[in-house]
PDB file of N, CA and C in Angstrom:
ATOM      1  N   MET A   1     -16.886  -4.006  10.377  1.00  0.00           N
ATOM      2  CA  MET A   1     -16.510  -5.162   9.393  1.00  0.00           C
ATOM      3  C   MET A   1     -15.239  -5.744  10.273  1.00  0.00           C
ATOM      4  N   ASP A   2     -16.124  -6.878  10.530  1.00  0.00           N
ATOM      5  CA  ASP A   2     -14.734  -8.114  11.100  1.00  0.00           C
ATOM      6  C   ASP A   2     -14.099  -9.016   9.674  1.00  0.00           C
ATOM      7  N   GLY A   3     -13.758  -9.541  10.497  1.00  0.00           N
ATOM      8  CA  GLY A   3     -12.286 -10.520   9.667  1.00  0.00           C
ATOM      9  C   GLY A   3     -11.302  -9.479   8.670  1.00  0.00           C
ATOM     10  N   GLY A   4     -10.489  -8.495   8.788  1.00  0.00           N
ATOM     11  CA  GLY A   4      -9.239  -7.835   9.378  1.00  0.00           C
ATOM     12  C   GLY A   4      -9.610  -7.148   7.666  1.00  0.00           C
ATOM     13  N   VAL A   5     -10.854  -6.768   7.401  1.00  0.00           N
ATOM     14  CA  VAL A   5     -11.618  -5.857   7.049  1.00  0.00           C
ATOM     15  C   VAL A   5     -11.469  -4.668   6.700  1.00  0.00           C
ATOM     16  N   LYS A   6     -10.864  -3.845   5.796  1.00  0.00           N
ATOM     17  CA  LYS A   6     -10.538  -2.963   6.267  1.00  0.00           C
ATOM     18  C   LYS A   6     -11.133  -1.517   5.342  1.00  0.00           C
ATOM     19  N   ILE A   7     -12.208  -0.529   5.162  1.00  0.00           N
ATOM     20  CA  ILE A   7     -12.403  -0.118   4.308  1.00  0.00           C
ATOM     21  C   ILE A   7     -12.082   1.933   4.527  1.00  0.00           C
ATOM     22  N   GLU A   8     -11.491   2.214   3.610  1.00  0.00           N
ATOM     23  CA  GLU A   8     -11.350   3.951   4.115  1.00  0.00           C
ATOM     24  C   GLU A   8     -11.272   4.267   2.502  1.00  0.00           C
ATOM     25  N   LEU A   9     -12.859   5.144   1.948  1.00  0.00           N
ATOM     26  CA  LEU A   9     -11.870   5.449   1.417  1.00  0.00           C
ATOM     27  C   LEU A   9     -11.270   6.707   0.600  1.00  0.00           C
ATOM     28  N   ASP A  10     -11.203   7.082   1.181  1.00  0.00           N
ATOM     29  CA  ASP A  10     -10.019   8.650   1.136  1.00  0.00           C
ATOM     30  C   ASP A  10      -8.770   7.813   1.592  1.00  0.00           C
ATOM     31  N   SER A  11      -8.735   7.046   1.818  1.00  0.00           N
ATOM     32  CA  SER A  11      -6.758   6.356   1.615  1.00  0.00           C
ATOM     33  C   SER A  11      -6.542   5.250   0.368  1.00  0.00           C
ATOM     34  N   PHE A  12      -5.573   4.787   0.585  1.00  0.00           N
ATOM     35  CA  PHE A  12      -4.711   3.892  -0.385  1.00  0.00           C
ATOM     36  C   PHE A  12      -3.300   3.216   0.013  1.00  0.00           C
ATOM     37  N   LEU A  13      -4.412   1.725  -0.448  1.00  0.00           N
ATOM     38  CA  LEU A  13      -3.051   0.735   0.153  1.00  0.00           C
ATOM     39  C   LEU A  13      -1.800   0.455  -0.248  1.00  0.00           C
ATOM     40  N   ILE A  14      -0.856   0.735   0.532  1.00  0.00           N
ATOM     41  CA  ILE A  14       0.239   0.541  -0.958  1.00  0.00           C
ATOM     42  C   ILE A  14       1.020  -0.474  -0.147  1.00  0.00           C
ATOM     43  N   ARG A  15       1.847  -1.515  -1.368  1.00  0.00           N
ATOM     44  CA  ARG A  15       1.507  -3.075  -1.126  1.00  0.00           C
ATOM     45  C   ARG A  15       2.935  -3.387  -1.432  1.00  0.00           C
ATOM     46  N   THR A  16       4.410  -3.791  -0.740  1.00  0.00           N
ATOM     47  CA  THR A  16       5.268  -3.893  -0.903  1.00  0.00           C
ATOM     48  C   THR A  16       5.675  -5.453  -1.174  1.00  0.00           C
ATOM     49  N   ALA A  17       6.630  -6.341  -2.163  1.00  0.00           N
ATOM     50  CA  ALA A  17       7.204  -7.589  -1.747  1.00  0.00           C
ATOM     51  C   ALA A  17       8.180  -7.850  -2.092  1.00  0.00           C
ATOM     52  N   ARG A  18       8.633  -8.336  -1.473  1.00  0.00           N
ATOM     53  CA  ARG A  18       9.952  -9.505  -1.632  1.00  0.00           C
ATOM     54  C   ARG A  18      10.257  -9.755  -2.611  1.00  0.00           C
ATOM     55  N   HIS A  19       9.431 -10.742  -3.807  1.00  0.00           N
ATOM     56  CA  HIS A  19       9.822 -11.026  -4.313  1.00  0.00           C
ATOM     57  C   HIS A  19       8.651 -10.976  -6.293  1.00  0.00           C
ATOM     58  N   VAL A  20       9.015 -10.872  -6.963  1.00  0.00           N
ATOM     59  CA  VAL A  20       7.841 -10.907  -7.887  1.00  0.00           C
ATOM     60  C   VAL A  20       6.892 -11.659  -8.392  1.00  0.00           C
ATOM     61  N   LYS A  21       7.499 -12.852  -7.846  1.00  0.00           N
ATOM     62  CA  LYS A  21       6.956 -14.535  -8.032  1.00  0.00           C
ATOM     63  C   LYS A  21       6.008 -14.506  -6.470  1.00  0.00           C
ATOM     64  N   ASP A  22       6.622 -13.564  -5.544  1.00  0.00           N
ATOM     65  CA  ASP A  22       5.652 -14.243  -3.632  1.00  0.00           C
ATOM     66  C   ASP A  22       5.396 -12.815  -3.429  1.00  0.00           C
ATOM     67  N   TYR A  23       4.576 -12.209  -3.452  1.00  0.00           N
ATOM     68  CA  TYR A  23       3.906 -11.206  -2.857  1.00  0.00           C
ATOM     69  C   TYR A  23       3.991 -11.325  -1.298  1.00  0.00           C
ATOM     70  N   THR A  24       4.428 -12.146  -0.750  1.00  0.00           N
ATOM     71  CA  THR A  24       4.128 -12.137   0.991  1.00  0.00           C
ATOM     72  C   THR A  24       5.812 -11.339   1.139  1.00  0.00           C
ATOM     73  N   GLY A  25       5.433 -10.940   2.317  1.00  0.00           N
ATOM     74  CA  GLY A  25       6.878 -11.009   2.731  1.00  0.00           C
ATOM     75  C   GLY A  25       7.448  -9.132   3.025  1.00  0.00           C
ATOM     76  N   GLY A  26       6.249  -8.488   2.088  1.00  0.00           N
ATOM     77  CA  GLY A  26       5.910  -6.967   2.143  1.00  0.00           C
ATOM     78  C   GLY A  26       5.542  -6.123   3.108  1.00  0.00           C
ATOM     79  N   ILE A  27       5.951  -5.017   2.966  1.00  0.00           N
ATOM     80  CA  ILE A  27       4.932  -4.235   4.337  1.00  0.00           C
ATOM     81  C   ILE A  27       3.863  -3.405   3.472  1.00  0.00           C
ATOM     82  N   ASN A  28       3.434  -3.143   4.692  1.00  0.00           N
ATOM     83  CA  ASN A  28       1.487  -2.264   3.832  1.00  0.00           C
ATOM     84  C   ASN A  28       1.860  -0.994   4.645  1.00  0.00           C
ATOM     85  N   GLN A  29       0.972  -0.024   2.964  1.00  0.00           N
ATOM     86  CA  GLN A  29       1.687   1.698   3.642  1.00  0.00           C
ATOM     87  C   GLN A  29       0.585   2.515   3.438  1.00  0.00           C
ATOM     88  N   TYR A  30      -0.084   3.346   4.019  1.00  0.00           N
ATOM     89  CA  TYR A  30      -1.556   4.136   3.732  1.00  0.00           C
ATOM     90  C   TYR A  30      -1.456   5.222   3.446  1.00  0.00           C
ATOM     91  N   CYS A  31      -2.173   5.691   2.418  1.00  0.00           N
ATOM     92  CA  CYS A  31      -1.626   7.075   2.043  1.00  0.00           C
ATOM     93  C   CYS A  31      -2.836   7.627   1.438  1.00  0.00           C
ATOM     94  N   ASP A  32      -2.963   9.088   2.490  1.00  0.00           N
ATOM     95  CA  ASP A  32      -3.906   9.621   1.316  1.00  0.00           C
ATOM     96  C   ASP A  32      -3.741  10.663   0.413  1.00  0.00           C
ATOM     97  N   MET A  33      -4.664  11.297  -1.129  1.00  0.00           N
ATOM     98  CA  MET A  33      -4.534  11.937  -2.174  1.00  0.00           C
ATOM     99  C   MET A  33      -3.605  12.830  -1.980  1.00  0.00           C
ATOM    100  N   SER A  34      -2.835  13.369  -1.022  1.00  0.00           N
ATOM    101  CA  SER A  34      -2.249  14.767  -1.351  1.00  0.00           C
ATOM    102  C   SER A  34      -0.826  13.941  -0.885  1.00  0.00           C
ATOM    103  N   GLN A  35      -0.699  12.130  -0.247  1.00  0.00           N
ATOM    104  CA  GLN A  35       0.262  11.695  -0.569  1.00  0.00           C
ATOM    105  C   GLN A  35       1.061  10.860  -1.732  1.00  0.00           C
ATOM    106  N   LEU A  36       0.014  10.786  -2.832  1.00  0.00           N
ATOM    107  CA  LEU A  36      -0.217   8.980  -3.817  1.00  0.00           C
ATOM    108  C   LEU A  36       1.186   9.539  -4.544  1.00  0.00           C
ATOM    109  N   GLN A  37       1.129  10.668  -4.529  1.00  0.00           N
ATOM    110  CA  GLN A  37       2.140  11.295  -6.375  1.00  0.00           C
ATOM    111  C   GLN A  37       3.971  10.872  -5.241  1.00  0.00           C
ATOM    112  N   SER A  38       4.052  10.906  -4.206  1.00  0.00           N
ATOM    113  CA  SER A  38       5.084  11.584  -3.448  1.00  0.00           C
ATOM    114  C   SER A  38       5.343  10.048  -3.115  1.00  0.00           C
ATOM    115  N   MET A  39       4.511   8.787  -2.468  1.00  0.00           N
ATOM    116  CA  MET A  39       4.940   7.431  -2.731  1.00  0.00           C
ATOM    117  C   MET A  39       4.864   6.515  -3.327  1.00  0.00           C
ATOM    118  N   ILE A  40       5.022   6.981  -5.032  1.00  0.00           N
ATOM    119  CA  ILE A  40       4.759   5.980  -5.799  1.00  0.00           C
ATOM    120  C   ILE A  40       5.918   6.643  -6.262  1.00  0.00           C
ATOM    121  N   ASP A  41       6.179   7.666  -6.208  1.00  0.00           N
ATOM    122  CA  ASP A  41       8.079   8.070  -7.000  1.00  0.00           C
ATOM    123  C   ASP A  41       8.418   7.204  -5.624  1.00  0.00           C
ATOM    124  N   LYS A  42       8.407   7.331  -4.309  1.00  0.00           N
ATOM    125  CA  LYS A  42       9.568   6.681  -3.720  1.00  0.00           C
ATOM    126  C   LYS A  42       9.389   5.151  -3.920  1.00  0.00           C
ATOM    127  N   LEU A  43       8.527   4.878  -4.735  1.00  0.00           N
ATOM    128  CA  LEU A  43       8.515   3.268  -4.841  1.00  0.00           C
ATOM    129  C   LEU A  43       8.805   3.106  -5.950  1.00  0.00           C
ATOM    130  N   LEU A  44       8.977   3.870  -6.829  1.00  0.00           N
ATOM    131  CA  LEU A  44       9.498   3.997  -7.688  1.00  0.00           C
ATOM    132  C   LEU A  44      11.165   4.279  -8.405  1.00  0.00           C
ATOM    133  N   SER A  45      11.573   4.424  -7.471  1.00  0.00           N
ATOM    134  CA  SER A  45      12.961   5.370  -7.383  1.00  0.00           C
ATOM    135  C   SER A  45      14.687   3.833  -7.166  1.00  0.00           C
TER     136      SER A  45
END
């Protein structure tokens, strides 16, 4: 696919943001199912 679209059914995109009203400025992180819980825990801590 073109246009910057990425489709991966075995991975998750975790996007962080600088501010609750502005979702720019964060970073993109990808993980698979085995890493998902630890990534969520990391974001919430």
